[in-house]
């Protein structure tokens, strides 16, 4: 979803006449850092509840057999995954 908004903001910068590259880059970096910090905090506070043991998978071939590989080039798969992510995000949003 963030990549769609970034692309939209870059498109708007050509209409308004000045570049919004730096603010968009700062926003994307802030989102990336925020996601890392939030996952680390959640892991820290749930460590007591869930424990610290690792899940070891002995036979990794079972995982590979269940994984479906999409058809198409790398660019096509990337674009499809971005659009699917945006679609799922929009469908999960509750109207106010």
Protein backbone atom coordinates (compact mmCIF):
# COMPACT_ATOMS: atom_id res chain seq x y z
CA UNK A 1 0.00 0.00 0.00
CA UNK A 2 2.87 2.33 0.78
CA UNK A 3 4.35 1.89 -2.69
CA UNK A 4 1.03 2.87 -4.26
CA UNK A 5 0.90 6.05 -2.18
CA UNK A 6 4.55 6.82 -2.99
CA UNK A 7 3.84 6.44 -6.71
CA UNK A 8 0.76 8.66 -6.40
CA UNK A 9 2.76 11.37 -4.61
CA UNK A 10 5.45 11.30 -7.31
CA UNK A 11 2.74 11.72 -9.94
CA UNK A 12 1.31 14.70 -8.05
CA UNK A 13 4.71 16.40 -7.89
CA UNK A 14 4.71 16.84 -11.66
CA UNK A 15 1.31 18.56 -11.48
CA UNK A 16 2.22 21.02 -8.73
CA UNK A 17 5.57 21.93 -10.25
CA UNK A 18 8.05 21.05 -7.51
CA UNK A 19 9.59 17.81 -6.33
CA UNK A 20 8.23 15.92 -3.35
CA UNK A 21 10.95 13.28 -3.53
CA UNK A 22 12.60 14.16 -0.21
CA UNK A 23 9.38 14.25 1.88
CA UNK A 24 8.20 10.98 0.34
CA UNK A 25 11.59 9.37 0.97
CA UNK A 26 11.54 10.55 4.60
CA UNK A 27 8.03 9.15 5.02
CA UNK A 28 9.00 5.78 3.55
CA UNK A 29 12.09 5.56 5.77
CA UNK A 30 9.98 6.49 8.81
CA UNK A 31 7.49 3.76 7.97
CA UNK A 32 10.30 1.22 7.57
CA UNK A 33 11.95 2.16 10.86
CA UNK A 34 8.58 2.23 12.62
CA UNK A 35 7.71 -1.25 11.42
CA UNK A 36 11.04 -2.64 12.64
CA UNK A 37 10.70 -0.93 16.04
CA UNK A 38 7.10 -2.08 16.51
CA UNK A 39 7.96 -5.72 15.74
CA UNK A 40 10.92 -5.61 18.13
CA UNK A 41 8.77 -4.09 20.89
CA UNK A 42 6.04 -6.67 20.36
CA UNK A 43 8.60 -9.49 20.48
CA UNK A 44 10.09 -8.06 23.67
CA UNK A 45 6.76 -7.75 25.49
CA UNK A 46 5.40 -11.14 24.35
CA UNK A 47 8.57 -13.07 25.17
CA UNK A 48 7.27 -13.87 28.65
CA UNK A 49 3.97 -15.20 27.31
CA UNK A 50 5.24 -17.16 24.31
CA UNK A 51 8.74 -18.21 25.35
CA UNK A 52 12.00 -18.10 23.45
CA UNK A 53 12.20 -21.52 21.79
CA UNK A 54 12.72 -21.67 18.05
CA UNK A 55 10.49 -23.67 15.78
CA UNK A 56 12.73 -26.14 14.01
CA UNK A 57 11.39 -27.72 10.85
CA UNK A 58 13.11 -31.01 10.18
CA UNK A 59 11.84 -31.62 6.65
CA UNK A 60 11.90 -28.44 4.58
CA UNK A 61 10.70 -30.25 1.46
CA UNK A 62 7.14 -30.20 2.85
CA UNK A 63 7.16 -26.41 2.84
CA UNK A 64 8.43 -26.24 -0.73
CA UNK A 65 5.72 -28.65 -1.90
CA UNK A 66 2.96 -26.45 -0.43
CA UNK A 67 4.30 -23.21 -1.90
CA UNK A 68 2.64 -22.08 -5.12
CA UNK A 69 4.75 -20.24 -7.67
CA UNK A 70 3.01 -17.62 -9.77
CA UNK A 71 3.49 -17.48 -13.50
CA UNK A 72 5.08 -14.51 -15.26
CA UNK A 73 8.18 -12.36 -15.16
CA UNK A 74 9.64 -10.81 -12.03
CA UNK A 75 8.16 -7.39 -12.91
CA UNK A 76 4.71 -8.88 -13.51
CA UNK A 77 4.77 -10.79 -10.20
CA UNK A 78 5.97 -7.66 -8.34
CA UNK A 79 3.24 -5.49 -9.84
CA UNK A 80 0.59 -8.12 -9.13
CA UNK A 81 1.68 -8.47 -5.51
CA UNK A 82 1.61 -4.68 -4.99
CA UNK A 83 -1.87 -4.42 -6.47
CA UNK A 84 -3.12 -7.46 -4.50
CA UNK A 85 -1.78 -5.94 -1.29
CA UNK A 86 -3.53 -2.65 -2.00
CA UNK A 87 -6.77 -4.42 -2.86
CA UNK A 88 -6.71 -6.48 0.34
CA UNK A 89 -5.97 -3.36 2.41
CA UNK A 90 -8.90 -1.51 0.87
CA UNK A 91 -11.27 -4.44 1.41
CA UNK A 92 -10.28 -4.68 5.10
CA UNK A 93 -10.79 -0.98 5.78
CA UNK A 94 -13.98 -0.32 7.73
CA UNK A 95 -16.04 2.72 6.70
CA UNK A 96 -16.74 5.26 9.44
